[in-house]
């Protein structure tokens, strides 16, 4: 779908967070911790049942929510209190495979300020345009040695107390799947290929389907709307998408 230019009058207006951002962030992080604790310490998977596979998908979804929470904090839309906002972003990023909030913050804003150019850390360089090569280049830009070390140390600690199978399946694999999910829906699909010269954000959005947009990546597939209105938290992006499609009709 070709994005349309959205006038200021047709953008979704900012609204006071009134604690909603903190509450939603706390809900996502709490669900991640509680489910992981159950899956590591109290769950015996029966691989002939669909249940463990569904738990993997649910934990992947919550992992994705951790990063989306950290991402919203990078835009200051978790809390109007800057210290609280950044603290929540830091914790959410750390829970997601030891990502560094403060390391990713300038890179993410560079992405917004220079989207689709050589100064965009998320963009391919004109050579690594395939999904796999772009993903590898993306990982090279963002994955740091201390993350790998932190994951390795944590894995070796967790396996002392919990079944190795559970640690791998419910802690490690969902982190990998969520990384792929975030890259596919949040970087590759929105920014791949050529964009019309009128597309000032060099981004595209998925077709409107709010349920799928939430399940797939917390409405982050409405990516043009995010670049156009970065002051909106993830849970209001569906409103921007509905407004943009109303304008295009």
C-alpha atoms as a PDB file:
ATOM      1  CA  UNK A   1       0.000   0.000   0.000  1.00  0.00           C
ATOM      2  CA  UNK A   2       1.397   3.413  -0.995  1.00  0.00           C
ATOM      3  CA  UNK A   3       1.448   5.773   2.013  1.00  0.00           C
ATOM      4  CA  UNK A   4      -0.255   9.122   1.652  1.00  0.00           C
ATOM      5  CA  UNK A   5       0.981  12.422   2.997  1.00  0.00           C
ATOM      6  CA  UNK A   6      -0.867  13.121   6.219  1.00  0.00           C
ATOM      7  CA  UNK A   7      -1.548  16.720   7.143  1.00  0.00           C
ATOM      8  CA  UNK A   8      -1.123  17.938  10.685  1.00  0.00           C
ATOM      9  CA  UNK A   9      -4.895  18.232  10.983  1.00  0.00           C
ATOM     10  CA  UNK A  10      -5.331  14.536  10.201  1.00  0.00           C
ATOM     11  CA  UNK A  11      -2.638  13.201  12.511  1.00  0.00           C
ATOM     12  CA  UNK A  12      -3.605  11.603  15.806  1.00  0.00           C
ATOM     13  CA  UNK A  13      -3.082  14.191  18.492  1.00  0.00           C
ATOM     14  CA  UNK A  14      -0.752  13.492  21.439  1.00  0.00           C
ATOM     15  CA  UNK A  15      -2.522  12.651  24.675  1.00  0.00           C
ATOM     16  CA  UNK A  16      -1.330  12.594  28.285  1.00  0.00           C
ATOM     17  CA  UNK A  17       0.090   9.198  29.192  1.00  0.00           C
ATOM     18  CA  UNK A  18      -1.517   9.398  32.650  1.00  0.00           C
ATOM     19  CA  UNK A  19       0.355   6.294  33.792  1.00  0.00           C
ATOM     20  CA  UNK A  20      -0.924   4.114  30.938  1.00  0.00           C
ATOM     21  CA  UNK A  21       2.526   3.653  29.422  1.00  0.00           C
ATOM     22  CA  UNK A  22       4.014   2.551  32.736  1.00  0.00           C
ATOM     23  CA  UNK A  23       1.096   0.209  33.408  1.00  0.00           C
ATOM     24  CA  UNK A  24       1.321  -1.429  29.978  1.00  0.00           C
ATOM     25  CA  UNK A  25       5.102  -1.745  30.239  1.00  0.00           C
ATOM     26  CA  UNK A  26       4.781  -3.306  33.712  1.00  0.00           C
ATOM     27  CA  UNK A  27       2.147  -5.736  32.420  1.00  0.00           C
ATOM     28  CA  UNK A  28       4.351  -6.921  29.547  1.00  0.00           C
ATOM     29  CA  UNK A  29       7.452  -7.311  31.702  1.00  0.00           C
ATOM     30  CA  UNK A  30       5.533  -9.019  34.507  1.00  0.00           C
ATOM     31  CA  UNK A  31       3.905 -11.486  32.109  1.00  0.00           C
ATOM     32  CA  UNK A  32       7.313 -12.264  30.604  1.00  0.00           C
ATOM     33  CA  UNK A  33       8.877 -12.917  34.008  1.00  0.00           C
ATOM     34  CA  UNK A  34       5.956 -14.954  35.368  1.00  0.00           C
ATOM     35  CA  UNK A  35       5.552 -17.104  32.275  1.00  0.00           C
ATOM     36  CA  UNK A  36       9.287 -17.726  32.011  1.00  0.00           C
ATOM     37  CA  UNK A  37       9.453 -18.668  35.680  1.00  0.00           C
ATOM     38  CA  UNK A  38       6.616 -21.153  35.208  1.00  0.00           C
ATOM     39  CA  UNK A  39       8.084 -22.638  32.037  1.00  0.00           C
ATOM     40  CA  UNK A  40      11.551 -23.046  33.509  1.00  0.00           C
ATOM     41  CA  UNK A  41      10.664 -24.303  36.942  1.00  0.00           C
ATOM     42  CA  UNK A  42       7.265 -25.931  36.859  1.00  0.00           C
ATOM     43  CA  UNK A  43       6.518 -27.122  33.349  1.00  0.00           C
ATOM     44  CA  UNK A  44       7.187 -30.541  31.879  1.00  0.00           C
ATOM     45  CA  UNK A  45       6.623 -30.215  28.122  1.00  0.00           C
ATOM     46  CA  UNK A  46       4.803 -32.953  26.272  1.00  0.00           C
ATOM     47  CA  UNK A  47       6.039 -32.576  22.708  1.00  0.00           C
ATOM     48  CA  UNK A  48       3.138 -34.658  21.400  1.00  0.00           C
ATOM     49  CA  UNK A  49       0.812 -31.903  22.613  1.00  0.00           C
ATOM     50  CA  UNK A  50       0.420 -28.465  20.987  1.00  0.00           C
ATOM     51  CA  UNK A  51       0.809 -26.777  24.399  1.00  0.00           C
ATOM     52  CA  UNK A  52       4.629 -26.347  24.507  1.00  0.00           C
ATOM     53  CA  UNK A  53       4.681 -24.955  20.970  1.00  0.00           C
ATOM     54  CA  UNK A  54       1.988 -22.456  21.899  1.00  0.00           C
ATOM     55  CA  UNK A  55       3.992 -21.492  24.980  1.00  0.00           C
ATOM     56  CA  UNK A  56       7.028 -20.859  22.761  1.00  0.00           C
ATOM     57  CA  UNK A  57       4.939 -18.566  20.559  1.00  0.00           C
ATOM     58  CA  UNK A  58       3.490 -16.762  23.580  1.00  0.00           C
ATOM     59  CA  UNK A  59       6.904 -16.262  25.134  1.00  0.00           C
ATOM     60  CA  UNK A  60       8.188 -15.018  21.769  1.00  0.00           C
ATOM     61  CA  UNK A  61       5.343 -12.507  21.676  1.00  0.00           C
ATOM     62  CA  UNK A  62       6.251 -11.294  25.161  1.00  0.00           C
ATOM     63  CA  UNK A  63       9.919 -11.042  24.196  1.00  0.00           C
ATOM     64  CA  UNK A  64       8.863  -8.856  21.284  1.00  0.00           C
ATOM     65  CA  UNK A  65       6.848  -6.786  23.744  1.00  0.00           C
ATOM     66  CA  UNK A  66       9.981  -6.214  25.814  1.00  0.00           C
ATOM     67  CA  UNK A  67      11.774  -4.661  22.870  1.00  0.00           C
ATOM     68  CA  UNK A  68       8.727  -2.646  21.794  1.00  0.00           C
ATOM     69  CA  UNK A  69       8.602  -1.283  25.347  1.00  0.00           C
ATOM     70  CA  UNK A  70      12.280  -0.328  25.168  1.00  0.00           C
ATOM     71  CA  UNK A  71      11.641   1.209  21.752  1.00  0.00           C
ATOM     72  CA  UNK A  72       8.775   3.327  23.091  1.00  0.00           C
ATOM     73  CA  UNK A  73      11.041   4.465  25.914  1.00  0.00           C
ATOM     74  CA  UNK A  74      13.537   5.632  23.263  1.00  0.00           C
ATOM     75  CA  UNK A  75      10.785   7.962  22.065  1.00  0.00           C
ATOM     76  CA  UNK A  76       9.909   9.021  25.615  1.00  0.00           C
ATOM     77  CA  UNK A  77       6.374   7.650  25.431  1.00  0.00           C
ATOM     78  CA  UNK A  78       6.419   5.185  28.324  1.00  0.00           C
ATOM     79  CA  UNK A  79       6.393   7.884  30.998  1.00  0.00           C
ATOM     80  CA  UNK A  80       6.592  11.672  30.982  1.00  0.00           C
ATOM     81  CA  UNK A  81       9.049  11.280  33.879  1.00  0.00           C
ATOM     82  CA  UNK A  82      12.314  10.973  31.976  1.00  0.00           C
ATOM     83  CA  UNK A  83      14.174   9.034  34.671  1.00  0.00           C
ATOM     84  CA  UNK A  84      11.339   6.527  35.036  1.00  0.00           C
ATOM     85  CA  UNK A  85      10.908   6.297  31.275  1.00  0.00           C
ATOM     86  CA  UNK A  86      14.600   5.537  30.725  1.00  0.00           C
ATOM     87  CA  UNK A  87      14.744   3.136  33.677  1.00  0.00           C
ATOM     88  CA  UNK A  88      11.887   1.081  32.252  1.00  0.00           C
ATOM     89  CA  UNK A  89      13.516   1.157  28.820  1.00  0.00           C
ATOM     90  CA  UNK A  90      16.822   0.013  30.300  1.00  0.00           C
ATOM     91  CA  UNK A  91      15.255  -2.929  32.143  1.00  0.00           C
ATOM     92  CA  UNK A  92      13.133  -3.982  29.160  1.00  0.00           C
ATOM     93  CA  UNK A  93      16.163  -3.892  26.846  1.00  0.00           C
ATOM     94  CA  UNK A  94      18.304  -5.881  29.299  1.00  0.00           C
ATOM     95  CA  UNK A  95      15.649  -8.578  29.670  1.00  0.00           C
ATOM     96  CA  UNK A  96      15.714  -8.943  25.894  1.00  0.00           C
ATOM     97  CA  UNK A  97      19.077 -10.709  25.547  1.00  0.00           C
ATOM     98  CA  UNK A  98      21.046  -8.020  27.395  1.00  0.00           C
ATOM     99  CA  UNK A  99      20.440  -5.243  24.887  1.00  0.00           C
ATOM    100  CA  UNK A 100      21.756  -1.840  25.904  1.00  0.00           C
ATOM    101  CA  UNK A 101      19.114   0.881  25.944  1.00  0.00           C
ATOM    102  CA  UNK A 102      21.680   3.680  26.036  1.00  0.00           C
ATOM    103  CA  UNK A 103      23.711   2.132  23.215  1.00  0.00           C
ATOM    104  CA  UNK A 104      20.678   1.724  20.970  1.00  0.00           C
ATOM    105  CA  UNK A 105      19.081   5.093  21.757  1.00  0.00           C
ATOM    106  CA  UNK A 106      21.293   7.250  19.476  1.00  0.00           C
ATOM    107  CA  UNK A 107      21.225   4.633  16.733  1.00  0.00           C
ATOM    108  CA  UNK A 108      17.456   4.496  16.733  1.00  0.00           C
ATOM    109  CA  UNK A 109      17.153   8.248  16.473  1.00  0.00           C
ATOM    110  CA  UNK A 110      19.737   8.186  13.679  1.00  0.00           C
ATOM    111  CA  UNK A 111      17.428   5.732  11.919  1.00  0.00           C
ATOM    112  CA  UNK A 112      14.523   8.149  12.201  1.00  0.00           C
ATOM    113  CA  UNK A 113      16.558  11.191  11.207  1.00  0.00           C
ATOM    114  CA  UNK A 114      18.323   9.554   8.241  1.00  0.00           C
ATOM    115  CA  UNK A 115      15.937   6.780   7.232  1.00  0.00           C
ATOM    116  CA  UNK A 116      16.914   4.966   4.066  1.00  0.00           C
ATOM    117  CA  UNK A 117      20.275   6.706   3.676  1.00  0.00           C
ATOM    118  CA  UNK A 118      23.906   5.771   4.257  1.00  0.00           C
ATOM    119  CA  UNK A 119      23.618   7.345   7.732  1.00  0.00           C
ATOM    120  CA  UNK A 120      20.760   5.020   8.697  1.00  0.00           C
ATOM    121  CA  UNK A 121      22.197   2.206  10.894  1.00  0.00           C
ATOM    122  CA  UNK A 122      19.153   0.012  10.162  1.00  0.00           C
ATOM    123  CA  UNK A 123      19.361   0.299   6.382  1.00  0.00           C
ATOM    124  CA  UNK A 124      21.139  -2.022   3.974  1.00  0.00           C
ATOM    125  CA  UNK A 125      24.139  -0.628   2.125  1.00  0.00           C
ATOM    126  CA  UNK A 126      22.879  -1.310  -1.392  1.00  0.00           C
ATOM    127  CA  UNK A 127      24.640  -4.672  -1.482  1.00  0.00           C
ATOM    128  CA  UNK A 128      23.161  -6.585   1.463  1.00  0.00           C
ATOM    129  CA  UNK A 129      19.580  -6.281   0.223  1.00  0.00           C
ATOM    130  CA  UNK A 130      18.430  -9.877   0.683  1.00  0.00           C
ATOM    131  CA  UNK A 131      16.703 -10.807   3.919  1.00  0.00           C
ATOM    132  CA  UNK A 132      19.567 -12.934   5.257  1.00  0.00           C
ATOM    133  CA  UNK A 133      22.397 -10.558   4.302  1.00  0.00           C
ATOM    134  CA  UNK A 134      20.500  -7.555   5.588  1.00  0.00           C
ATOM    135  CA  UNK A 135      19.764  -9.392   8.838  1.00  0.00           C
ATOM    136  CA  UNK A 136      23.459 -10.258   9.264  1.00  0.00           C
ATOM    137  CA  UNK A 137      24.493  -6.668   8.655  1.00  0.00           C
ATOM    138  CA  UNK A 138      21.775  -5.465  11.047  1.00  0.00           C
ATOM    139  CA  UNK A 139      23.005  -7.892  13.725  1.00  0.00           C
ATOM    140  CA  UNK A 140      26.599  -6.778  13.165  1.00  0.00           C
ATOM    141  CA  UNK A 141      25.549  -3.188  13.863  1.00  0.00           C
ATOM    142  CA  UNK A 142      23.641  -3.976  17.024  1.00  0.00           C
ATOM    143  CA  UNK A 143      24.805  -7.205  18.705  1.00  0.00           C
ATOM    144  CA  UNK A 144      27.737  -6.574  21.031  1.00  0.00           C
ATOM    145  CA  UNK A 145      30.185  -8.981  22.596  1.00  0.00           C
ATOM    146  CA  UNK A 146      28.930  -8.301  26.111  1.00  0.00           C
ATOM    147  CA  UNK A 147      25.447  -9.454  25.097  1.00  0.00           C
ATOM    148  CA  UNK A 148      26.805 -12.785  23.913  1.00  0.00           C
ATOM    149  CA  UNK A 149      28.866 -13.085  27.089  1.00  0.00           C
ATOM    150  CA  UNK A 150      25.874 -12.187  29.248  1.00  0.00           C
ATOM    151  CA  UNK A 151      23.692 -14.761  27.527  1.00  0.00           C
ATOM    152  CA  UNK A 152      26.388 -17.429  27.908  1.00  0.00           C
ATOM    153  CA  UNK A 153      26.879 -16.716  31.619  1.00  0.00           C
ATOM    154  CA  UNK A 154      23.129 -16.620  32.263  1.00  0.00           C
ATOM    155  CA  UNK A 155      22.613 -19.882  30.361  1.00  0.00           C
ATOM    156  CA  UNK A 156      25.238 -21.654  32.442  1.00  0.00           C
ATOM    157  CA  UNK A 157      23.661 -20.335  35.654  1.00  0.00           C
ATOM    158  CA  UNK A 158      20.106 -21.226  34.653  1.00  0.00           C
ATOM    159  CA  UNK A 159      21.000 -24.784  33.672  1.00  0.00           C
ATOM    160  CA  UNK A 160      22.255 -25.377  37.231  1.00  0.00           C
ATOM    161  CA  UNK A 161      18.718 -24.893  38.539  1.00  0.00           C
ATOM    162  CA  UNK A 162      16.396 -25.738  35.652  1.00  0.00           C
ATOM    163  CA  UNK A 163      16.188 -28.439  32.971  1.00  0.00           C
ATOM    164  CA  UNK A 164      18.504 -27.601  30.060  1.00  0.00           C
ATOM    165  CA  UNK A 165      15.750 -28.420  27.573  1.00  0.00           C
ATOM    166  CA  UNK A 166      13.434 -25.843  29.152  1.00  0.00           C
ATOM    167  CA  UNK A 167      16.154 -23.187  29.256  1.00  0.00           C
ATOM    168  CA  UNK A 168      16.908 -23.629  25.566  1.00  0.00           C
ATOM    169  CA  UNK A 169      13.316 -23.940  24.363  1.00  0.00           C
ATOM    170  CA  UNK A 170      11.608 -21.307  26.511  1.00  0.00           C
ATOM    171  CA  UNK A 171      14.393 -18.783  27.187  1.00  0.00           C
ATOM    172  CA  UNK A 172      16.808 -18.898  24.250  1.00  0.00           C
ATOM    173  CA  UNK A 173      14.683 -19.864  21.247  1.00  0.00           C
ATOM    174  CA  UNK A 174      11.937 -17.240  21.880  1.00  0.00           C
ATOM    175  CA  UNK A 175      14.637 -14.545  22.028  1.00  0.00           C
ATOM    176  CA  UNK A 176      15.928 -15.622  18.608  1.00  0.00           C
ATOM    177  CA  UNK A 177      12.423 -15.846  17.141  1.00  0.00           C
ATOM    178  CA  UNK A 178      11.494 -12.421  18.527  1.00  0.00           C
ATOM    179  CA  UNK A 179      14.644 -10.924  17.002  1.00  0.00           C
ATOM    180  CA  UNK A 180      13.666 -12.329  13.608  1.00  0.00           C
ATOM    181  CA  UNK A 181      10.098 -11.112  14.111  1.00  0.00           C
ATOM    182  CA  UNK A 182      11.180  -7.581  14.966  1.00  0.00           C
ATOM    183  CA  UNK A 183      13.582  -7.397  12.042  1.00  0.00           C
ATOM    184  CA  UNK A 184      11.092  -8.820   9.544  1.00  0.00           C
ATOM    185  CA  UNK A 185       8.084  -6.685  10.506  1.00  0.00           C
ATOM    186  CA  UNK A 186       9.922  -3.624  11.821  1.00  0.00           C
ATOM    187  CA  UNK A 187      12.815  -3.206   9.390  1.00  0.00           C
ATOM    188  CA  UNK A 188      12.798  -5.495   6.370  1.00  0.00           C
ATOM    189  CA  UNK A 189       9.183  -5.260   5.209  1.00  0.00           C
ATOM    190  CA  UNK A 190       8.751  -1.507   5.882  1.00  0.00           C
ATOM    191  CA  UNK A 191      12.046  -0.360   4.350  1.00  0.00           C
ATOM    192  CA  UNK A 192      13.004  -2.834   1.623  1.00  0.00           C
ATOM    193  CA  UNK A 193      12.992  -1.897  -2.034  1.00  0.00           C
ATOM    194  CA  UNK A 194      12.432   1.464  -3.636  1.00  0.00           C
ATOM    195  CA  UNK A 195      10.120   4.152  -2.287  1.00  0.00           C
ATOM    196  CA  UNK A 196       8.337   6.887  -4.178  1.00  0.00           C
ATOM    197  CA  UNK A 197       9.940  10.308  -3.987  1.00  0.00           C
ATOM    198  CA  UNK A 198       6.832  11.611  -2.207  1.00  0.00           C
ATOM    199  CA  UNK A 199       7.339   9.069   0.571  1.00  0.00           C
ATOM    200  CA  UNK A 200       9.281  11.330   2.910  1.00  0.00           C
ATOM    201  CA  UNK A 201       9.683   8.592   5.540  1.00  0.00           C
ATOM    202  CA  UNK A 202      10.872   5.928   3.073  1.00  0.00           C
ATOM    203  CA  UNK A 203       8.658   3.489   4.908  1.00  0.00           C
ATOM    204  CA  UNK A 204       5.564   1.473   4.146  1.00  0.00           C
ATOM    205  CA  UNK A 205       2.839  -0.092   6.252  1.00  0.00           C
ATOM    206  CA  UNK A 206       1.037  -3.394   6.189  1.00  0.00           C
ATOM    207  CA  UNK A 207      -2.620  -3.409   5.218  1.00  0.00           C
ATOM    208  CA  UNK A 208      -5.024  -2.549   8.000  1.00  0.00           C
ATOM    209  CA  UNK A 209      -5.848  -5.569  10.106  1.00  0.00           C
ATOM    210  CA  UNK A 210      -5.583  -4.524  13.714  1.00  0.00           C
ATOM    211  CA  UNK A 211      -5.704  -8.017  15.246  1.00  0.00           C
ATOM    212  CA  UNK A 212      -2.919  -9.313  13.001  1.00  0.00           C
ATOM    213  CA  UNK A 213      -0.966  -6.075  13.410  1.00  0.00           C
ATOM    214  CA  UNK A 214      -0.963  -6.587  17.180  1.00  0.00           C
ATOM    215  CA  UNK A 215      -0.111 -10.288  17.053  1.00  0.00           C
ATOM    216  CA  UNK A 216       2.602  -9.887  14.456  1.00  0.00           C
ATOM    217  CA  UNK A 217       4.501  -7.013  16.075  1.00  0.00           C
ATOM    218  CA  UNK A 218       2.458  -4.821  18.447  1.00  0.00           C
ATOM    219  CA  UNK A 219       1.177  -2.625  15.594  1.00  0.00           C
ATOM    220  CA  UNK A 220       4.761  -1.952  14.515  1.00  0.00           C
ATOM    221  CA  UNK A 221       3.801  -3.111  11.031  1.00  0.00           C
ATOM    222  CA  UNK A 222       2.009   0.236  10.769  1.00  0.00           C
ATOM    223  CA  UNK A 223       5.460   1.565  10.215  1.00  0.00           C
ATOM    224  CA  UNK A 224       4.847   4.611   8.064  1.00  0.00           C
ATOM    225  CA  UNK A 225       2.491   5.865  10.752  1.00  0.00           C
ATOM    226  CA  UNK A 226       5.181   5.311  13.373  1.00  0.00           C
ATOM    227  CA  UNK A 227       7.740   7.334  11.414  1.00  0.00           C
ATOM    228  CA  UNK A 228       5.162  10.020  10.722  1.00  0.00           C
ATOM    229  CA  UNK A 229       3.927  10.210  14.317  1.00  0.00           C
ATOM    230  CA  UNK A 230       6.722   8.885  16.572  1.00  0.00           C
ATOM    231  CA  UNK A 231       5.134  10.568  19.587  1.00  0.00           C
ATOM    232  CA  UNK A 232       2.462   7.848  19.657  1.00  0.00           C
ATOM    233  CA  UNK A 233       3.043   4.789  21.883  1.00  0.00           C
ATOM    234  CA  UNK A 234       2.672   1.410  20.194  1.00  0.00           C
ATOM    235  CA  UNK A 235      -0.818   0.923  21.581  1.00  0.00           C
ATOM    236  CA  UNK A 236      -2.095   4.018  19.730  1.00  0.00           C
ATOM    237  CA  UNK A 237      -0.596   3.270  16.322  1.00  0.00           C
ATOM    238  CA  UNK A 238      -3.786   1.544  15.210  1.00  0.00           C
ATOM    239  CA  UNK A 239      -5.532   4.914  15.548  1.00  0.00           C
ATOM    240  CA  UNK A 240      -2.969   6.519  13.250  1.00  0.00           C
ATOM    241  CA  UNK A 241      -3.423   3.721  10.734  1.00  0.00           C
ATOM    242  CA  UNK A 242      -7.202   4.118  10.787  1.00  0.00           C
ATOM    243  CA  UNK A 243      -6.828   7.868  10.310  1.00  0.00           C
ATOM    244  CA  UNK A 244      -4.368   7.527   7.405  1.00  0.00           C
ATOM    245  CA  UNK A 245      -6.640   5.096   5.587  1.00  0.00           C
ATOM    246  CA  UNK A 246      -9.596   7.415   6.154  1.00  0.00           C
ATOM    247  CA  UNK A 247      -7.614  10.229   4.529  1.00  0.00           C
ATOM    248  CA  UNK A 248      -6.641   8.026   1.563  1.00  0.00           C
ATOM    249  CA  UNK A 249     -10.248   7.048   0.789  1.00  0.00           C
END
